[in-house]
Amino acid sequence: MKLKSKLFCLSFLLLSVSCQQQKKPQHMLKSAYYWSTEWRNEPRVMQQVKTLDKLYLRYFDVIMNGEHTVVPNATLQFAAEMPDKIEVVPVVFIVNDVMKTMDNTADLAQKVLRRVFQISETNNIRNIKELQIDCDWTLSTRRNYYAFLTQLHHLAAEKHIALSTTIRLHQLSQHVPPVDKGVLMMYNTGDFTDIHCTHPILDIKDVMPYLKYLKNYSLPLSPAYPLFSYRLLFRHGRYKGVLHADNDLPVLPGDSIIVRKVSVEEVLHVKQTIENIRPELKAETIIFDLSPSHIANYKSQDYEEIYRAH
């Protein structure tokens, strides 16, 4: 009896240890985008970046110029060094027009990867583990875009680099792209060019129609949530543009400048909703974005509240 009792106690102890190990909380990644044309030593930005695990850093855009040639544009300028101990994910934004007439996706893939490496090496950014492509592709450009991703995926894999791409809500109903993971963009869900759309950055009502595709979308996903605002210029009720600075656009008598700003409460509402549908979305929380003009409008506690919420 004593031997049986000891064996039972030992089995129970091992089972308890196993359960405790299984319940050990997983480290949740804190990430953010930096979507600007200059990386500089901005105190608020640096303070926030140092709390992150991963920074999605826009390197450059790919556009079609006036001669209908595909060229890089708005390359990020480095006026400061990157903080240590943070994983940098280079992001390349490709204008959809590029994909409309693209007949050599393999060449573009090689040029994009080469330029990413050049920028990384020049600015002492090492150990790149992931590269991300951002493109608001449509049904008419999907074939070319997916062909480009296939080529780039192959080239990146040879360098032991994962490839990710952004996923808009309306793209959830389409076939998954040939990449390792996606970042689900939970922002710009409404029409900010409509003066009557009061929550164009994020509104649960705009999100809900697409959530029926979320659970079974067969690609690993990380969600990106907004913490930013727009200053929009309207003339006679018609959209004229975004005011990044006071002198961006001429403001005439009678014009309306309207500020649209997303609230932390709205972000948390959407975050809880999609995590209930797909719990693995809790593994990484990404905030868009930490550019100086955006981070100035929020407190450090706002970011932490979103990162903590699960």
Protein backbone atom coordinates (compact mmCIF):
# COMPACT_ATOMS: atom_id res chain seq x y z
CA MET A 1 0.00 0.00 0.00
CA LYS A 2 2.78 2.39 0.84
CA LEU A 3 4.43 1.78 -2.57
CA LYS A 4 1.15 2.42 -4.39
CA SER A 5 0.60 5.56 -2.35
CA LYS A 6 4.07 6.86 -3.20
CA LEU A 7 3.59 6.10 -6.89
CA PHE A 8 0.26 7.92 -6.86
CA CYS A 9 1.80 10.97 -5.18
CA LEU A 10 4.68 10.96 -7.67
CA SER A 11 2.29 10.73 -10.62
CA PHE A 12 0.15 13.55 -9.23
CA LEU A 13 3.25 15.70 -8.68
CA LEU A 14 4.46 15.14 -12.27
CA LEU A 15 1.00 15.91 -13.60
CA SER A 16 0.87 19.13 -11.57
CA VAL A 17 4.27 20.24 -12.85
CA SER A 18 3.22 19.44 -16.42
CA CYS A 19 0.04 21.50 -16.06
CA GLN A 20 1.96 24.41 -14.60
CA GLN A 21 4.37 24.32 -17.53
CA GLN A 22 1.49 24.30 -19.99
CA LYS A 23 -0.10 27.27 -18.25
CA LYS A 24 3.12 29.29 -18.33
CA PRO A 25 2.14 32.59 -19.93
CA GLN A 26 3.41 33.10 -23.47
CA HIS A 27 5.44 36.22 -24.18
CA MET A 28 3.24 38.61 -26.14
CA LEU A 29 5.18 40.60 -28.71
CA LYS A 30 4.91 44.38 -28.55
CA SER A 31 5.43 45.85 -32.01
CA ALA A 32 4.84 49.05 -33.95
CA TYR A 33 5.21 50.63 -37.36
CA TYR A 34 7.34 53.67 -38.10
CA TRP A 35 5.99 55.21 -41.31
CA SER A 36 7.98 58.33 -41.99
CA THR A 37 10.69 59.56 -44.36
CA GLU A 38 13.27 60.29 -41.65
CA TRP A 39 14.50 58.32 -38.66
CA ARG A 40 15.83 60.81 -36.13
CA ASN A 41 16.53 61.02 -32.42
CA GLU A 42 13.04 62.09 -31.35
CA PRO A 43 12.79 61.60 -27.54
CA ARG A 44 9.17 60.43 -27.42
CA VAL A 45 9.69 58.06 -30.32
CA MET A 46 12.91 56.63 -28.90
CA GLN A 47 11.32 56.19 -25.49
CA GLN A 48 8.48 54.18 -26.97
CA VAL A 49 10.65 52.18 -29.37
CA LYS A 50 12.86 50.96 -26.52
CA THR A 51 9.84 49.20 -25.00
CA LEU A 52 9.20 47.19 -28.17
CA ASP A 53 10.19 43.72 -29.32
CA LYS A 54 9.82 44.50 -33.02
CA LEU A 55 9.73 47.61 -35.21
CA TYR A 56 8.23 47.53 -38.71
CA LEU A 57 10.29 50.20 -40.44
CA ARG A 58 9.22 51.58 -43.82
CA TYR A 59 12.36 51.65 -45.98
CA PHE A 60 11.03 53.01 -49.28
CA ASP A 61 8.13 53.05 -51.72
CA VAL A 62 8.03 51.58 -55.22
CA ILE A 63 6.16 53.76 -57.71
CA MET A 64 5.62 54.29 -61.44
CA ASN A 65 7.24 57.56 -62.52
CA GLY A 66 6.25 59.91 -65.34
CA GLU A 67 8.19 57.83 -67.88
CA HIS A 68 6.24 54.71 -66.81
CA THR A 69 9.36 53.29 -65.20
CA VAL A 70 9.28 51.46 -61.88
CA VAL A 71 11.51 53.33 -59.41
CA PRO A 72 12.09 53.59 -55.64
CA ASN A 73 10.72 56.69 -53.94
CA ALA A 74 10.66 58.40 -50.52
CA THR A 75 13.56 56.36 -49.17
CA LEU A 76 13.92 56.55 -45.39
CA GLN A 77 16.75 58.84 -44.31
CA PHE A 78 18.64 57.89 -41.16
CA ALA A 79 19.64 60.83 -38.95
CA ALA A 80 20.14 58.58 -35.90
CA GLU A 81 21.14 55.01 -35.12
CA MET A 82 18.62 52.30 -34.37
CA PRO A 83 18.34 51.26 -30.70
CA ASP A 84 20.00 47.97 -29.77
CA LYS A 85 18.08 44.81 -28.94
CA ILE A 86 15.10 45.47 -31.17
CA GLU A 87 14.17 43.40 -34.21
CA VAL A 88 13.75 45.57 -37.30
CA VAL A 89 11.42 44.42 -40.07
CA PRO A 90 12.03 46.39 -43.29
CA VAL A 91 8.77 47.32 -45.02
CA VAL A 92 8.47 48.22 -48.71
CA PHE A 93 5.28 49.89 -49.93
CA ILE A 94 4.42 49.14 -53.56
CA VAL A 95 1.87 51.33 -55.31
CA ASN A 96 -0.82 49.19 -56.94
CA ASP A 97 -0.23 50.89 -60.33
CA VAL A 98 3.16 49.17 -60.46
CA MET A 99 1.44 45.79 -60.58
CA LYS A 100 -0.97 46.79 -63.33
CA THR A 101 1.70 46.74 -66.04
CA MET A 102 4.40 44.62 -64.42
CA ASP A 103 5.79 42.05 -66.88
CA ASN A 104 8.98 41.07 -65.04
CA THR A 105 8.17 40.28 -61.44
CA ALA A 106 11.39 38.32 -60.96
CA ASP A 107 13.50 41.38 -61.79
CA LEU A 108 11.50 43.56 -59.39
CA ALA A 109 11.88 40.97 -56.61
CA GLN A 110 15.66 40.96 -57.04
CA LYS A 111 15.86 44.76 -57.05
CA VAL A 112 13.68 45.13 -53.94
CA LEU A 113 15.68 42.60 -51.93
CA ARG A 114 18.99 44.10 -53.08
CA ARG A 115 17.92 47.59 -52.04
CA VAL A 116 16.68 46.37 -48.65
CA PHE A 117 20.09 44.80 -47.99
CA GLN A 118 21.91 47.95 -49.12
CA ILE A 119 19.90 50.17 -46.77
CA SER A 120 20.31 47.74 -43.88
CA GLU A 121 24.07 47.41 -44.32
CA THR A 122 24.60 51.15 -44.80
CA ASN A 123 22.77 51.91 -41.56
CA ASN A 124 24.16 49.05 -39.47
CA ILE A 125 20.85 47.18 -39.20
CA ARG A 126 21.80 43.53 -38.76
CA ASN A 127 20.17 40.15 -38.41
CA ILE A 128 17.13 40.83 -40.58
CA LYS A 129 14.72 37.96 -39.96
CA GLU A 130 11.67 39.23 -41.82
CA LEU A 131 10.84 41.42 -44.79
CA GLN A 132 7.37 42.87 -45.35
CA ILE A 133 5.65 44.07 -48.52
CA ASP A 134 2.69 46.45 -48.34
CA CYS A 135 0.45 46.78 -51.40
CA ASP A 136 -3.25 47.55 -51.75
CA TRP A 137 -3.65 45.03 -54.55
CA THR A 138 -6.95 44.37 -56.30
CA LEU A 139 -8.43 41.49 -58.27
CA SER A 140 -6.99 42.92 -61.48
CA THR A 141 -3.44 43.01 -60.05
CA ARG A 142 -3.54 39.90 -57.85
CA ARG A 143 -1.87 37.62 -60.41
CA ASN A 144 1.13 39.92 -60.89
CA TYR A 145 1.39 40.70 -57.18
CA TYR A 146 1.29 37.04 -56.16
CA ALA A 147 3.87 36.20 -58.84
CA PHE A 148 6.11 38.91 -57.43
CA LEU A 149 5.64 37.59 -53.89
CA THR A 150 6.43 34.05 -55.02
CA GLN A 151 9.72 35.20 -56.54
CA LEU A 152 10.61 37.35 -53.53
CA HIS A 153 9.66 34.58 -51.11
CA HIS A 154 12.09 32.23 -52.83
CA LEU A 155 14.92 34.79 -52.79
CA ALA A 156 14.30 35.75 -49.15
CA ALA A 157 14.19 32.10 -48.06
CA GLU A 158 17.67 31.59 -49.54
CA LYS A 159 18.83 34.27 -47.09
CA HIS A 160 16.84 32.67 -44.23
CA ILE A 161 14.45 35.62 -44.17
CA ALA A 162 10.69 35.22 -43.72
CA LEU A 163 8.34 37.16 -46.00
CA SER A 164 5.18 38.84 -44.76
CA THR A 165 2.61 41.06 -46.40
CA THR A 166 -0.15 43.36 -45.24
CA ILE A 167 -3.73 42.12 -45.47
CA ARG A 168 -6.61 44.60 -45.81
CA LEU A 169 -9.98 43.53 -44.43
CA HIS A 170 -11.52 43.29 -47.89
CA GLN A 171 -8.71 40.93 -48.94
CA LEU A 172 -9.71 38.31 -46.36
CA SER A 173 -12.21 36.88 -48.85
CA GLN A 174 -9.47 36.22 -51.44
CA HIS A 175 -6.93 33.41 -51.77
CA VAL A 176 -4.06 33.79 -49.33
CA PRO A 177 -0.83 35.28 -50.74
CA PRO A 178 2.31 33.10 -51.07
CA VAL A 179 4.06 34.38 -47.94
CA ASP A 180 4.93 33.15 -44.45
CA LYS A 181 2.58 35.44 -42.53
CA GLY A 182 0.30 38.44 -42.86
CA VAL A 183 -0.35 41.61 -40.89
CA LEU A 184 -4.06 42.36 -40.71
CA MET A 185 -4.59 46.10 -41.07
CA MET A 186 -7.27 47.14 -38.60
CA TYR A 187 -7.27 50.79 -39.68
CA ASN A 188 -8.57 53.04 -42.45
CA THR A 189 -11.73 50.97 -42.36
CA GLY A 190 -13.97 53.86 -43.44
CA ASP A 191 -13.95 56.55 -46.10
CA PHE A 192 -12.02 59.57 -44.82
CA THR A 193 -12.85 61.48 -48.02
CA ASP A 194 -16.51 61.53 -46.93
CA ILE A 195 -17.19 64.50 -44.64
CA HIS A 196 -20.09 62.58 -43.08
CA CYS A 197 -17.91 59.58 -42.11
CA THR A 198 -17.02 60.51 -38.53
CA HIS A 199 -14.92 57.41 -37.72
CA PRO A 200 -12.93 56.66 -40.89
CA ILE A 201 -9.83 55.36 -39.11
CA LEU A 202 -11.57 52.57 -37.22
CA ASP A 203 -15.21 51.73 -36.63
CA ILE A 204 -16.46 48.34 -35.45
CA LYS A 205 -19.45 48.72 -37.79
CA ASP A 206 -17.10 48.80 -40.78
CA VAL A 207 -15.10 45.85 -39.45
CA MET A 208 -17.96 43.45 -38.72
CA PRO A 209 -18.92 42.48 -42.32
CA TYR A 210 -15.44 41.03 -42.94
CA LEU A 211 -15.07 39.01 -39.75
CA LYS A 212 -16.89 35.99 -41.20
CA TYR A 213 -13.71 35.30 -43.20
CA LEU A 214 -11.27 35.74 -40.31
CA LYS A 215 -11.47 32.40 -38.46
CA ASN A 216 -10.73 30.22 -41.48
CA TYR A 217 -8.24 32.49 -43.22
CA SER A 218 -5.38 30.03 -43.74
CA LEU A 219 -2.40 32.29 -43.09
CA PRO A 220 -0.75 33.15 -39.76
CA LEU A 221 -1.79 36.70 -38.86
CA SER A 222 -0.75 39.50 -36.56
CA PRO A 223 -3.11 42.47 -36.14
CA ALA A 224 -2.08 46.11 -36.54
CA TYR A 225 -4.19 48.70 -34.71
CA PRO A 226 -4.26 52.47 -35.22
CA LEU A 227 -3.15 55.21 -32.88
CA PHE A 228 -3.12 58.24 -35.15
CA SER A 229 -5.22 61.11 -36.40
CA TYR A 230 -5.94 62.94 -39.65
CA ARG A 231 -6.35 66.63 -40.37
CA LEU A 232 -8.61 66.69 -43.42
CA LEU A 233 -9.33 69.66 -45.66
CA PHE A 234 -12.81 69.99 -47.17
CA ARG A 235 -14.03 72.69 -49.57
CA HIS A 236 -17.80 73.04 -50.03
CA GLY A 237 -18.12 69.60 -48.46
CA ARG A 238 -15.69 68.01 -50.90
CA TYR A 239 -12.46 66.35 -49.83
CA LYS A 240 -9.29 68.21 -50.87
CA GLY A 241 -6.55 66.34 -49.03
CA VAL A 242 -4.72 65.50 -45.80
CA LEU A 243 -2.94 68.33 -44.00
CA HIS A 244 0.32 66.94 -42.64
CA ALA A 245 1.57 70.52 -42.15
CA ASP A 246 -0.14 73.90 -42.23
CA ASN A 247 1.30 74.79 -45.63
CA ASP A 248 0.60 71.47 -47.36
CA LEU A 249 -2.48 72.78 -49.14
CA PRO A 250 -3.94 76.26 -49.65
CA VAL A 251 -6.72 76.92 -47.14
CA LEU A 252 -9.33 79.34 -48.48
CA PRO A 253 -12.02 81.28 -46.60
CA GLY A 254 -14.94 78.95 -45.96
CA ASP A 255 -12.84 75.77 -46.05
CA SER A 256 -13.26 73.22 -43.26
CA ILE A 257 -10.39 71.50 -41.49
CA ILE A 258 -11.69 68.42 -39.71
CA VAL A 259 -9.68 66.27 -37.30
CA ARG A 260 -10.42 62.55 -37.20
CA LYS A 261 -8.79 60.75 -34.27
CA VAL A 262 -9.18 57.16 -33.18
CA SER A 263 -9.80 56.49 -29.49
CA VAL A 264 -8.13 53.86 -27.33
CA GLU A 265 -11.59 52.60 -26.37
CA GLU A 266 -12.49 51.90 -29.99
CA VAL A 267 -9.22 50.07 -30.54
CA LEU A 268 -9.76 47.91 -27.45
CA HIS A 269 -13.31 47.08 -28.56
CA VAL A 270 -12.12 45.89 -31.96
CA LYS A 271 -9.12 44.10 -30.44
CA GLN A 272 -11.29 42.06 -28.10
CA THR A 273 -13.74 41.26 -30.89
CA ILE A 274 -11.19 39.79 -33.30
CA GLU A 275 -9.20 38.01 -30.57
CA ASN A 276 -12.38 36.22 -29.52
CA ILE A 277 -12.73 34.94 -33.08
CA ARG A 278 -9.06 34.07 -33.51
CA PRO A 279 -7.23 33.79 -30.15
CA GLU A 280 -3.76 33.43 -31.71
CA LEU A 281 -3.99 37.11 -32.66
CA LYS A 282 -2.99 37.81 -29.05
CA ALA A 283 0.57 36.62 -29.76
CA GLU A 284 1.61 39.95 -31.29
CA THR A 285 0.09 43.41 -31.06
CA ILE A 286 1.23 46.01 -33.59
CA ILE A 287 0.43 49.72 -33.39
CA PHE A 288 0.43 52.04 -36.39
CA ASP A 289 2.38 54.20 -36.06
CA LEU A 290 5.15 55.88 -34.07
CA SER A 291 5.90 58.75 -36.45
CA PRO A 292 6.56 62.00 -34.51
CA SER A 293 3.40 63.69 -35.79
CA HIS A 294 1.25 60.83 -34.52
CA ILE A 295 2.93 59.93 -31.25
CA ALA A 296 2.59 63.55 -30.09
CA ASN A 297 -1.19 63.12 -29.90
CA TYR A 298 -1.18 60.18 -27.48
CA LYS A 299 0.20 59.35 -24.05
CA SER A 300 2.57 56.50 -23.26
CA GLN A 301 -0.22 54.96 -21.19
CA ASP A 302 -2.40 54.72 -24.31
CA TYR A 303 0.11 52.43 -26.00
CA GLU A 304 0.59 50.31 -22.90
CA GLU A 305 -3.15 49.92 -22.42
CA ILE A 306 -3.48 48.44 -25.90
CA TYR A 307 -0.46 46.17 -25.46
CA ARG A 308 -1.71 44.89 -22.09
CA ALA A 309 -5.27 44.15 -23.15
CA HIS A 310 -5.95 40.48 -23.86
